[in-house]
Structures are given as C-alpha cells and as structure tokens.
Amino acid sequence: MSDIEFPDTLLDLERAAWEELQAGRLTVATATAVQDAITAHAEATGVSRYTVEMALKKAVRHAATEA
C-alpha cells in the first residue's frame, strides 16, 4: 500500500480532514472533498478506491511513526 504516489493536493486534503477530525470539527464539505479526490485518484491510477484510501490514511496519520 505504501508504494502509491499521492499528489500534494490529495495529501493536503487528508491532512486537513485529519486535523478537523481530531479537533472534533470535521465538516461534510471536507469529508466529501477528500472522498471525491480519493475516488478520482483511484480511477486515474487504476488502483482500488479502498486501497487508495487506506494508503492515504496511513501516509498521513502514521507518517511520524514510520520515520
């Protein structure tokens, strides 16, 4: 899963969503933007949407623990 290359825009969206989620203020607009971007990236790369989403979450939420 970690072999997927993500555009900065997708990483930024997921970071924003993760920050909002941790602060207890995740909005529908943010969540929708992330899901739409995940779907678009999955379609563009031919990778399953589930795989893209899990790899993206791992890249953003666990980046510090993998260093």
C-alpha atoms as a PDB file:
ATOM      1  CA  MET A   1       0.000   0.000   0.000  1.00  0.00           C
ATOM      2  CA  SER A   2       2.761   2.464   0.751  1.00  0.00           C
ATOM      3  CA  ASP A   3       4.006   2.318  -2.860  1.00  0.00           C
ATOM      4  CA  ILE A   4       1.240   4.658  -4.029  1.00  0.00           C
ATOM      5  CA  GLU A   5       2.361   8.136  -5.025  1.00  0.00           C
ATOM      6  CA  PHE A   6      -0.082  10.821  -3.914  1.00  0.00           C
ATOM      7  CA  PRO A   7      -0.330  14.335  -5.318  1.00  0.00           C
ATOM      8  CA  ASP A   8       0.287  17.074  -2.765  1.00  0.00           C
ATOM      9  CA  THR A   9      -3.296  18.277  -3.144  1.00  0.00           C
ATOM     10  CA  LEU A  10      -4.656  14.908  -2.006  1.00  0.00           C
ATOM     11  CA  LEU A  11      -2.240  14.740   0.914  1.00  0.00           C
ATOM     12  CA  ASP A  12      -3.214  18.286   1.930  1.00  0.00           C
ATOM     13  CA  LEU A  13      -6.918  17.402   1.831  1.00  0.00           C
ATOM     14  CA  GLU A  14      -6.404  14.330   4.005  1.00  0.00           C
ATOM     15  CA  ARG A  15      -4.238  16.296   6.462  1.00  0.00           C
ATOM     16  CA  ALA A  16      -6.957  18.948   6.766  1.00  0.00           C
ATOM     17  CA  ALA A  17      -9.606  16.282   7.337  1.00  0.00           C
ATOM     18  CA  TRP A  18      -7.460  14.505   9.920  1.00  0.00           C
ATOM     19  CA  GLU A  19      -6.861  17.767  11.796  1.00  0.00           C
ATOM     20  CA  GLU A  20     -10.574  18.579  11.744  1.00  0.00           C
ATOM     21  CA  LEU A  21     -11.438  15.067  12.898  1.00  0.00           C
ATOM     22  CA  GLN A  22      -9.021  15.246  15.817  1.00  0.00           C
ATOM     23  CA  ALA A  23     -10.435  18.638  16.805  1.00  0.00           C
ATOM     24  CA  GLY A  24     -13.987  17.302  16.637  1.00  0.00           C
ATOM     25  CA  ARG A  25     -14.987  19.651  13.834  1.00  0.00           C
ATOM     26  CA  LEU A  26     -14.864  17.592  10.640  1.00  0.00           C
ATOM     27  CA  THR A  27     -17.279  19.088   8.133  1.00  0.00           C
ATOM     28  CA  VAL A  28     -19.284  17.346   5.463  1.00  0.00           C
ATOM     29  CA  ALA A  29     -17.598  19.589   2.885  1.00  0.00           C
ATOM     30  CA  THR A  30     -14.121  18.485   3.936  1.00  0.00           C
ATOM     31  CA  ALA A  31     -15.051  14.810   4.122  1.00  0.00           C
ATOM     32  CA  THR A  32     -16.726  14.983   0.715  1.00  0.00           C
ATOM     33  CA  ALA A  33     -13.727  16.730  -0.846  1.00  0.00           C
ATOM     34  CA  VAL A  34     -11.403  14.007   0.436  1.00  0.00           C
ATOM     35  CA  GLN A  35     -13.657  11.184  -0.747  1.00  0.00           C
ATOM     36  CA  ASP A  36     -14.077  12.761  -4.188  1.00  0.00           C
ATOM     37  CA  ALA A  37     -10.309  13.200  -4.522  1.00  0.00           C
ATOM     38  CA  ILE A  38      -9.681   9.608  -3.420  1.00  0.00           C
ATOM     39  CA  THR A  39     -12.163   8.330  -5.992  1.00  0.00           C
ATOM     40  CA  ALA A  40     -10.615  10.450  -8.755  1.00  0.00           C
ATOM     41  CA  HIS A  41      -7.101   9.282  -7.855  1.00  0.00           C
ATOM     42  CA  ALA A  42      -8.204   5.655  -7.781  1.00  0.00           C
ATOM     43  CA  GLU A  43      -9.811   5.950 -11.195  1.00  0.00           C
ATOM     44  CA  ALA A  44      -6.787   7.763 -12.644  1.00  0.00           C
ATOM     45  CA  THR A  45      -4.302   5.207 -11.352  1.00  0.00           C
ATOM     46  CA  GLY A  46      -6.352   2.041 -11.751  1.00  0.00           C
ATOM     47  CA  VAL A  47      -5.930   1.199  -8.065  1.00  0.00           C
ATOM     48  CA  SER A  48      -8.961   0.250  -6.000  1.00  0.00           C
ATOM     49  CA  ARG A  49     -10.570   3.105  -4.116  1.00  0.00           C
ATOM     50  CA  TYR A  50     -10.277   1.172  -0.861  1.00  0.00           C
ATOM     51  CA  THR A  51      -6.538   0.641  -1.365  1.00  0.00           C
ATOM     52  CA  VAL A  52      -6.001   4.319  -2.159  1.00  0.00           C
ATOM     53  CA  GLU A  53      -7.945   5.411   0.919  1.00  0.00           C
ATOM     54  CA  MET A  54      -6.133   3.078   3.299  1.00  0.00           C
ATOM     55  CA  ALA A  55      -2.701   4.001   1.925  1.00  0.00           C
ATOM     56  CA  LEU A  56      -3.542   7.702   2.106  1.00  0.00           C
ATOM     57  CA  LYS A  57      -4.681   7.454   5.718  1.00  0.00           C
ATOM     58  CA  LYS A  58      -1.550   5.518   6.591  1.00  0.00           C
ATOM     59  CA  ALA A  59       0.655   8.083   4.840  1.00  0.00           C
ATOM     60  CA  VAL A  60      -0.950  11.000   6.674  1.00  0.00           C
ATOM     61  CA  ARG A  61      -1.887   9.588  10.062  1.00  0.00           C
ATOM     62  CA  HIS A  62       1.124   7.363  10.677  1.00  0.00           C
ATOM     63  CA  ALA A  63       3.893   9.229   8.838  1.00  0.00           C
ATOM     64  CA  ALA A  64       5.655  10.235  12.055  1.00  0.00           C
ATOM     65  CA  THR A  65       5.673   6.702  13.457  1.00  0.00           C
ATOM     66  CA  GLU A  66       7.321   5.233  10.335  1.00  0.00           C
ATOM     67  CA  ALA A  67      10.353   7.506  10.321  1.00  0.00           C
END
